Structure formats: structure tokens, C-alpha cells
């Protein structure tokens, strides 16, 4: 896989690995971090999650109308 330059920070490397379903690589990156770095990264991820969902895990409504891209079976409606 041709990987973009995301490894300037351990955090972006770990996130990239997760996004590419490479949990072993993400685990390795996180384990190589110092405890205070892991705590800071966890806090950053918590802030990011708060931007995505409410405290119950429900999607936060956006200001504009939502566009439906999947049908009832999870297939893309159009490409």
C-alpha cells in the first residue's frame, strides 16, 4: 500500500493504521508512546468523538439537510 506521510506524529500514524484496519500497527504505535502521550491522545480522541456524537452515541444533527447515500441494505445509491 502506498502510504501518505502521516507518521510525522505518532497519533496520526495510529489513527491511519486504525482507518486501514491495521490494529496490530496501531497497537504497536500506541504501546511505543509514553503514558502521558497516551493520556493526551485519549483526551484528543474524546474531544473528536464529542464532535461526532452526543453522550449517548447518537449522531449530532448537522445544520443542513443530510444526504442519503446508502439504501436500506447498506449499498451506495449512486457513485
PDB file of N, CA and C in Angstrom:
ATOM      1  N   UNK A   1       0.850  -1.172   0.000  1.00  0.00           N
ATOM      2  CA  UNK A   1       0.000   0.000   0.000  1.00  0.00           C
ATOM      3  C   UNK A   1       0.899   1.240   0.000  1.00  0.00           C
ATOM      4  N   UNK A   2       0.585   2.204  -0.834  1.00  0.00           N
ATOM      5  CA  UNK A   2       1.315   3.453  -0.883  1.00  0.00           C
ATOM      6  C   UNK A   2       0.770   4.374   0.203  1.00  0.00           C
ATOM      7  N   UNK A   3       1.505   4.508   1.284  1.00  0.00           N
ATOM      8  CA  UNK A   3       1.036   5.254   2.451  1.00  0.00           C
ATOM      9  C   UNK A   3       1.465   6.708   2.391  1.00  0.00           C
ATOM     10  N   UNK A   4       0.526   7.633   2.596  1.00  0.00           N
ATOM     11  CA  UNK A   4       0.908   9.040   2.651  1.00  0.00           C
ATOM     12  C   UNK A   4       1.749   9.326   3.891  1.00  0.00           C
ATOM     13  N   UNK A   5       2.356  10.478   3.923  1.00  0.00           N
ATOM     14  CA  UNK A   5       3.221  10.857   5.036  1.00  0.00           C
ATOM     15  C   UNK A   5       2.383  11.255   6.241  1.00  0.00           C
ATOM     16  N   UNK A   6       1.887  10.277   6.960  1.00  0.00           N
ATOM     17  CA  UNK A   6       1.057  10.557   8.126  1.00  0.00           C
ATOM     18  C   UNK A   6       1.805  10.272   9.425  1.00  0.00           C
ATOM     19  N   UNK A   7       3.037   9.859   9.331  1.00  0.00           N
ATOM     20  CA  UNK A   7       3.760   9.447  10.526  1.00  0.00           C
ATOM     21  C   UNK A   7       4.597  10.548  11.163  1.00  0.00           C
ATOM     22  N   UNK A   8       4.319  11.811  10.821  1.00  0.00           N
ATOM     23  CA  UNK A   8       5.021  12.906  11.482  1.00  0.00           C
ATOM     24  C   UNK A   8       4.721  12.907  12.969  1.00  0.00           C
ATOM     25  N   UNK A   9       3.508  12.480  13.323  1.00  0.00           N
ATOM     26  CA  UNK A   9       3.096  12.356  14.721  1.00  0.00           C
ATOM     27  C   UNK A   9       2.635  10.917  14.947  1.00  0.00           C
ATOM     28  N   UNK A  10       2.965  10.368  16.095  1.00  0.00           N
ATOM     29  CA  UNK A  10       2.535   9.011  16.414  1.00  0.00           C
ATOM     30  C   UNK A  10       1.012   8.903  16.379  1.00  0.00           C
ATOM     31  N   UNK A  11       0.335   9.956  16.835  1.00  0.00           N
ATOM     32  CA  UNK A  11      -1.123   9.940  16.890  1.00  0.00           C
ATOM     33  C   UNK A  11      -1.742   9.782  15.507  1.00  0.00           C
ATOM     34  N   UNK A  12      -1.225  10.513  14.526  1.00  0.00           N
ATOM     35  CA  UNK A  12      -1.793  10.389  13.177  1.00  0.00           C
ATOM     36  C   UNK A  12      -1.448   9.041  12.566  1.00  0.00           C
ATOM     37  N   UNK A  13      -0.280   8.519  12.884  1.00  0.00           N
ATOM     38  CA  UNK A  13       0.086   7.181  12.413  1.00  0.00           C
ATOM     39  C   UNK A  13      -0.839   6.125  12.980  1.00  0.00           C
ATOM     40  N   UNK A  14      -1.165   6.243  14.268  1.00  0.00           N
ATOM     41  CA  UNK A  14      -2.073   5.284  14.903  1.00  0.00           C
ATOM     42  C   UNK A  14      -3.470   5.387  14.309  1.00  0.00           C
ATOM     43  N   UNK A  15      -3.941   6.608  14.100  1.00  0.00           N
ATOM     44  CA  UNK A  15      -5.260   6.806  13.512  1.00  0.00           C
ATOM     45  C   UNK A  15      -5.297   6.264  12.085  1.00  0.00           C
ATOM     46  N   UNK A  16      -4.244   6.510  11.311  1.00  0.00           N
ATOM     47  CA  UNK A  16      -4.166   5.995   9.941  1.00  0.00           C
ATOM     48  C   UNK A  16      -4.221   4.469   9.944  1.00  0.00           C
ATOM     49  N   UNK A  17      -3.489   3.852  10.865  1.00  0.00           N
ATOM     50  CA  UNK A  17      -3.491   2.390  10.955  1.00  0.00           C
ATOM     51  C   UNK A  17      -4.894   1.868  11.273  1.00  0.00           C
ATOM     52  N   UNK A  18      -5.587   2.521  12.195  1.00  0.00           N
ATOM     53  CA  UNK A  18      -6.961   2.115  12.535  1.00  0.00           C
ATOM     54  C   UNK A  18      -7.872   2.285  11.324  1.00  0.00           C
ATOM     55  N   UNK A  19      -7.739   3.401  10.625  1.00  0.00           N
ATOM     56  CA  UNK A  19      -8.575   3.652   9.449  1.00  0.00           C
ATOM     57  C   UNK A  19      -8.344   2.601   8.361  1.00  0.00           C
ATOM     58  N   UNK A  20      -7.151   2.011   8.339  1.00  0.00           N
ATOM     59  CA  UNK A  20      -6.820   0.988   7.360  1.00  0.00           C
ATOM     60  C   UNK A  20      -6.916  -0.420   7.945  1.00  0.00           C
ATOM     61  N   UNK A  21      -7.607  -0.517   9.086  1.00  0.00           N
ATOM     62  CA  UNK A  21      -7.887  -1.794   9.756  1.00  0.00           C
ATOM     63  C   UNK A  21      -6.615  -2.584  10.075  1.00  0.00           C
ATOM     64  N   UNK A  22      -5.560  -1.868  10.426  1.00  0.00           N
ATOM     65  CA  UNK A  22      -4.305  -2.491  10.837  1.00  0.00           C
ATOM     66  C   UNK A  22      -4.137  -2.279  12.337  1.00  0.00           C
ATOM     67  N   UNK A  23      -4.942  -3.021  13.100  1.00  0.00           N
ATOM     68  CA  UNK A  23      -4.940  -2.865  14.557  1.00  0.00           C
ATOM     69  C   UNK A  23      -3.587  -3.194  15.177  1.00  0.00           C
ATOM     70  N   UNK A  24      -2.868  -4.156  14.600  1.00  0.00           N
ATOM     71  CA  UNK A  24      -1.556  -4.529  15.144  1.00  0.00           C
ATOM     72  C   UNK A  24      -0.595  -3.340  15.061  1.00  0.00           C
ATOM     73  N   UNK A  25      -0.600  -2.636  13.933  1.00  0.00           N
ATOM     74  CA  UNK A  25       0.270  -1.466  13.776  1.00  0.00           C
ATOM     75  C   UNK A  25      -0.160  -0.357  14.726  1.00  0.00           C
ATOM     76  N   UNK A  26      -1.468  -0.121  14.820  1.00  0.00           N
ATOM     77  CA  UNK A  26      -1.961   0.907  15.743  1.00  0.00           C
ATOM     78  C   UNK A  26      -1.564   0.577  17.175  1.00  0.00           C
ATOM     79  N   UNK A  27      -1.712  -0.682  17.558  1.00  0.00           N
ATOM     80  CA  UNK A  27      -1.344  -1.112  18.919  1.00  0.00           C
ATOM     81  C   UNK A  27       0.145  -0.880  19.165  1.00  0.00           C
ATOM     82  N   UNK A  28       0.980  -1.217  18.166  1.00  0.00           N
ATOM     83  CA  UNK A  28       2.420  -1.028  18.293  1.00  0.00           C
ATOM     84  C   UNK A  28       2.757   0.444  18.499  1.00  0.00           C
ATOM     85  N   UNK A  29       2.133   1.306  17.706  1.00  0.00           N
ATOM     86  CA  UNK A  29       2.392   2.748  17.816  1.00  0.00           C
ATOM     87  C   UNK A  29       1.989   3.253  19.189  1.00  0.00           C
ATOM     88  N   UNK A  30       0.809   2.870  19.657  1.00  0.00           N
ATOM     89  CA  UNK A  30       0.312   3.340  20.954  1.00  0.00           C
ATOM     90  C   UNK A  30       1.173   2.799  22.094  1.00  0.00           C
ATOM     91  N   UNK A  31       1.602   1.550  21.995  1.00  0.00           N
ATOM     92  CA  UNK A  31       2.443   0.984  23.051  1.00  0.00           C
ATOM     93  C   UNK A  31       3.806   1.652  23.120  1.00  0.00           C
ATOM     94  N   UNK A  32       4.273   2.194  21.999  1.00  0.00           N
ATOM     95  CA  UNK A  32       5.563   2.885  21.983  1.00  0.00           C
ATOM     96  C   UNK A  32       5.485   4.303  22.547  1.00  0.00           C
ATOM     97  N   UNK A  33       4.269   4.798  22.786  1.00  0.00           N
ATOM     98  CA  UNK A  33       4.093   6.136  23.341  1.00  0.00           C
ATOM     99  C   UNK A  33       4.318   6.108  24.857  1.00  0.00           C
ATOM    100  N   UNK A  34       4.757   7.229  25.398  1.00  0.00           N
ATOM    101  CA  UNK A  34       4.867   7.354  26.850  1.00  0.00           C
ATOM    102  C   UNK A  34       3.459   7.449  27.444  1.00  0.00           C
ATOM    103  N   UNK A  35       3.292   7.074  28.722  1.00  0.00           N
ATOM    104  CA  UNK A  35       1.955   7.130  29.338  1.00  0.00           C
ATOM    105  C   UNK A  35       1.285   8.498  29.227  1.00  0.00           C
ATOM    106  N   UNK A  36       2.043   9.574  29.421  1.00  0.00           N
ATOM    107  CA  UNK A  36       1.434  10.909  29.320  1.00  0.00           C
ATOM    108  C   UNK A  36       1.009  11.205  27.881  1.00  0.00           C
ATOM    109  N   UNK A  37       1.739  10.675  26.891  1.00  0.00           N
ATOM    110  CA  UNK A  37       1.354  10.862  25.488  1.00  0.00           C
ATOM    111  C   UNK A  37       0.071  10.100  25.171  1.00  0.00           C
ATOM    112  N   UNK A  38      -0.043   8.883  25.719  1.00  0.00           N
ATOM    113  CA  UNK A  38      -1.276   8.100  25.515  1.00  0.00           C
ATOM    114  C   UNK A  38      -2.463   8.802  26.154  1.00  0.00           C
ATOM    115  N   UNK A  39      -2.261   9.364  27.345  1.00  0.00           N
ATOM    116  CA  UNK A  39      -3.347  10.083  28.025  1.00  0.00           C
ATOM    117  C   UNK A  39      -3.776  11.303  27.219  1.00  0.00           C
ATOM    118  N   UNK A  40      -2.818  12.049  26.689  1.00  0.00           N
ATOM    119  CA  UNK A  40      -3.124  13.223  25.861  1.00  0.00           C
ATOM    120  C   UNK A  40      -3.869  12.798  24.596  1.00  0.00           C
ATOM    121  N   UNK A  41      -3.422  11.714  23.956  1.00  0.00           N
ATOM    122  CA  UNK A  41      -4.070  11.208  22.750  1.00  0.00           C
ATOM    123  C   UNK A  41      -5.499  10.769  23.054  1.00  0.00           C
ATOM    124  N   UNK A  42      -5.694  10.105  24.180  1.00  0.00           N
ATOM    125  CA  UNK A  42      -7.044   9.683  24.575  1.00  0.00           C
ATOM    126  C   UNK A  42      -7.951  10.893  24.763  1.00  0.00           C
ATOM    127  N   UNK A  43      -7.423  11.946  25.363  1.00  0.00           N
ATOM    128  CA  UNK A  43      -8.215  13.167  25.552  1.00  0.00           C
ATOM    129  C   UNK A  43      -8.571  13.792  24.211  1.00  0.00           C
ATOM    130  N   UNK A  44      -7.625  13.779  23.271  1.00  0.00           N
ATOM    131  CA  UNK A  44      -7.892  14.311  21.936  1.00  0.00           C
ATOM    132  C   UNK A  44      -8.969  13.487  21.227  1.00  0.00           C
ATOM    133  N   UNK A  45      -8.893  12.170  21.357  1.00  0.00           N
ATOM    134  CA  UNK A  45      -9.901  11.298  20.746  1.00  0.00           C
ATOM    135  C   UNK A  45     -11.271  11.514  21.380  1.00  0.00           C
ATOM    136  N   UNK A  46     -11.295  11.743  22.693  1.00  0.00           N
ATOM    137  CA  UNK A  46     -12.567  12.038  23.364  1.00  0.00           C
ATOM    138  C   UNK A  46     -13.180  13.330  22.820  1.00  0.00           C
ATOM    139  N   UNK A  47     -12.352  14.338  22.599  1.00  0.00           N
ATOM    140  CA  UNK A  47     -12.858  15.596  22.025  1.00  0.00           C
ATOM    141  C   UNK A  47     -13.387  15.385  20.611  1.00  0.00           C
ATOM    142  N   UNK A  48     -12.679  14.568  19.832  1.00  0.00           N
ATOM    143  CA  UNK A  48     -13.135  14.273  18.473  1.00  0.00           C
ATOM    144  C   UNK A  48     -14.455  13.518  18.504  1.00  0.00           C
ATOM    145  N   UNK A  49     -14.567  12.528  19.378  1.00  0.00           N
ATOM    146  CA  UNK A  49     -15.818  11.772  19.483  1.00  0.00           C
ATOM    147  C   UNK A  49     -16.969  12.689  19.889  1.00  0.00           C
ATOM    148  N   UNK A  50     -16.708  13.653  20.752  1.00  0.00           N
ATOM    149  CA  UNK A  50     -17.750  14.592  21.182  1.00  0.00           C
ATOM    150  C   UNK A  50     -18.253  15.443  20.012  1.00  0.00           C
ATOM    151  N   UNK A  51     -17.412  15.640  19.010  1.00  0.00           N
ATOM    152  CA  UNK A  51     -17.841  16.378  17.828  1.00  0.00           C
ATOM    153  C   UNK A  51     -18.719  15.523  16.916  1.00  0.00           C
ATOM    154  N   UNK A  52     -18.641  14.212  17.068  1.00  0.00           N
ATOM    155  CA  UNK A  52     -19.356  13.292  16.192  1.00  0.00           C
ATOM    156  C   UNK A  52     -20.687  12.825  16.752  1.00  0.00           C
ATOM    157  N   UNK A  53     -20.743  12.590  18.061  1.00  0.00           N
ATOM    158  CA  UNK A  53     -21.951  12.039  18.672  1.00  0.00           C
ATOM    159  C   UNK A  53     -22.240  12.727  19.991  1.00  0.00           C
ATOM    160  N   UNK A  54     -23.488  12.599  20.443  1.00  0.00           N
ATOM    161  CA  UNK A  54     -23.803  13.104  21.772  1.00  0.00           C
ATOM    162  C   UNK A  54     -23.332  12.082  22.808  1.00  0.00           C
ATOM    163  N   UNK A  55     -23.578  12.336  24.064  1.00  0.00           N
ATOM    164  CA  UNK A  55     -23.053  11.454  25.117  1.00  0.00           C
ATOM    165  C   UNK A  55     -23.686  10.074  25.119  1.00  0.00           C
ATOM    166  N   UNK A  56     -24.776   9.890  24.362  1.00  0.00           N
ATOM    167  CA  UNK A  56     -25.423   8.589  24.262  1.00  0.00           C
ATOM    168  C   UNK A  56     -25.034   7.845  22.994  1.00  0.00           C
ATOM    169  N   UNK A  57     -24.158   8.433  22.192  1.00  0.00           N
ATOM    170  CA  UNK A  57     -23.725   7.801  20.954  1.00  0.00           C
ATOM    171  C   UNK A  57     -24.603   8.104  19.761  1.00  0.00           C
ATOM    172  N   UNK A  58     -25.560   9.015  19.936  1.00  0.00           N
ATOM    173  CA  UNK A  58     -26.429   9.401  18.829  1.00  0.00           C
ATOM    174  C   UNK A  58     -25.733  10.430  17.953  1.00  0.00           C
ATOM    175  N   UNK A  59     -25.941  10.320  16.653  1.00  0.00           N
ATOM    176  CA  UNK A  59     -25.361  11.265  15.712  1.00  0.00           C
ATOM    177  C   UNK A  59     -25.843  12.680  16.029  1.00  0.00           C
ATOM    178  N   UNK A  60     -24.938  13.640  15.953  1.00  0.00           N
ATOM    179  CA  UNK A  60     -25.296  15.034  16.186  1.00  0.00           C
ATOM    180  C   UNK A  60     -25.849  15.602  14.882  1.00  0.00           C
ATOM    181  N   UNK A  61     -27.046  16.182  14.925  1.00  0.00           N
ATOM    182  CA  UNK A  61     -27.612  16.735  13.695  1.00  0.00           C
ATOM    183  C   UNK A  61     -26.754  17.867  13.133  1.00  0.00           C
ATOM    184  N   UNK A  62     -26.677  17.922  11.813  1.00  0.00           N
ATOM    185  CA  UNK A  62     -25.925  18.992  11.164  1.00  0.00           C
ATOM    186  C   UNK A  62     -26.864  20.143  10.855  1.00  0.00           C
ATOM    187  N   UNK A  63     -26.297  21.277  10.510  1.00  0.00           N
ATOM    188  CA  UNK A  63     -27.111  22.462  10.229  1.00  0.00           C
ATOM    189  C   UNK A  63     -27.922  22.300   8.945  1.00  0.00           C
ATOM    190  N   UNK A  64     -27.348  21.656   7.950  1.00  0.00           N
ATOM    191  CA  UNK A  64     -28.025  21.499   6.665  1.00  0.00           C
ATOM    192  C   UNK A  64     -28.694  20.142   6.535  1.00  0.00           C
ATOM    193  N   UNK A  65     -29.381  19.920   5.420  1.00  0.00           N
ATOM    194  CA  UNK A  65     -30.033  18.630   5.209  1.00  0.00           C
ATOM    195  C   UNK A  65     -29.006  17.518   4.997  1.00  0.00           C
ATOM    196  N   UNK A  66     -29.325  16.331   5.464  1.00  0.00           N
ATOM    197  CA  UNK A  66     -28.437  15.192   5.298  1.00  0.00           C
ATOM    198  C   UNK A  66     -28.718  14.532   3.962  1.00  0.00           C
ATOM    199  N   UNK A  67     -27.692  14.069   3.322  1.00  0.00           N
ATOM    200  CA  UNK A  67     -27.825  13.408   2.034  1.00  0.00           C
ATOM    201  C   UNK A  67     -27.769  11.904   2.272  1.00  0.00           C
ATOM    202  N   UNK A  68     -28.744  11.215   1.747  1.00  0.00           N
ATOM    203  CA  UNK A  68     -28.796   9.763   1.907  1.00  0.00           C
ATOM    204  C   UNK A  68     -27.938   9.130   0.827  1.00  0.00           C
ATOM    205  N   UNK A  69     -26.925   8.361   1.223  1.00  0.00           N
ATOM    206  CA  UNK A  69     -26.030   7.738   0.259  1.00  0.00           C
ATOM    207  C   UNK A  69     -26.147   6.219   0.236  1.00  0.00           C
ATOM    208  N   UNK A  70     -26.812   5.633   1.230  1.00  0.00           N
ATOM    209  CA  UNK A  70     -26.960   4.180   1.287  1.00  0.00           C
ATOM    210  C   UNK A  70     -28.427   3.795   1.244  1.00  0.00           C
ATOM    211  N   UNK A  71     -28.717   2.659   0.615  1.00  0.00           N
ATOM    212  CA  UNK A  71     -30.092   2.161   0.632  1.00  0.00           C
ATOM    213  C   UNK A  71     -30.313   1.364   1.908  1.00  0.00           C
ATOM    214  N   UNK A  72     -31.469   0.734   2.051  1.00  0.00           N
ATOM    215  CA  UNK A  72     -31.809   0.004   3.274  1.00  0.00           C
ATOM    216  C   UNK A  72     -30.874  -1.176   3.540  1.00  0.00           C
ATOM    217  N   UNK A  73     -30.217  -1.682   2.499  1.00  0.00           N
ATOM    218  CA  UNK A  73     -29.307  -2.825   2.654  1.00  0.00           C
ATOM    219  C   UNK A  73     -27.847  -2.391   2.758  1.00  0.00           C
ATOM    220  N   UNK A  74     -27.618  -1.090   2.866  1.00  0.00           N
ATOM    221  CA  UNK A  74     -26.257  -0.591   3.050  1.00  0.00           C
ATOM    222  C   UNK A  74     -25.474  -0.432   1.770  1.00  0.00           C
ATOM    223  N   UNK A  75     -26.132  -0.457   0.611  1.00  0.00           N
ATOM    224  CA  UNK A  75     -25.439  -0.284  -0.662  1.00  0.00           C
ATOM    225  C   UNK A  75     -25.489   1.182  -1.066  1.00  0.00           C
ATOM    226  N   UNK A  76     -24.427   1.637  -1.754  1.00  0.00           N
ATOM    227  CA  UNK A  76     -24.400   3.023  -2.229  1.00  0.00           C
ATOM    228  C   UNK A  76     -25.529   3.233  -3.238  1.00  0.00           C
ATOM    229  N   UNK A  77     -26.234   4.363  -3.104  1.00  0.00           N
ATOM    230  CA  UNK A  77     -27.308   4.688  -4.040  1.00  0.00           C
ATOM    231  C   UNK A  77     -26.745   5.099  -5.392  1.00  0.00           C
ATOM    232  N   UNK A  78     -25.646   5.839  -5.408  1.00  0.00           N
ATOM    233  CA  UNK A  78     -25.030   6.288  -6.663  1.00  0.00           C
ATOM    234  C   UNK A  78     -23.562   6.546  -6.397  1.00  0.00           C
ATOM    235  N   UNK A  79     -22.796   6.471  -7.444  1.00  0.00           N
ATOM    236  CA  UNK A  79     -21.353   6.757  -7.320  1.00  0.00           C
ATOM    237  C   UNK A  79     -21.026   8.049  -8.007  1.00  0.00           C
TER     238      UNK A  79
END
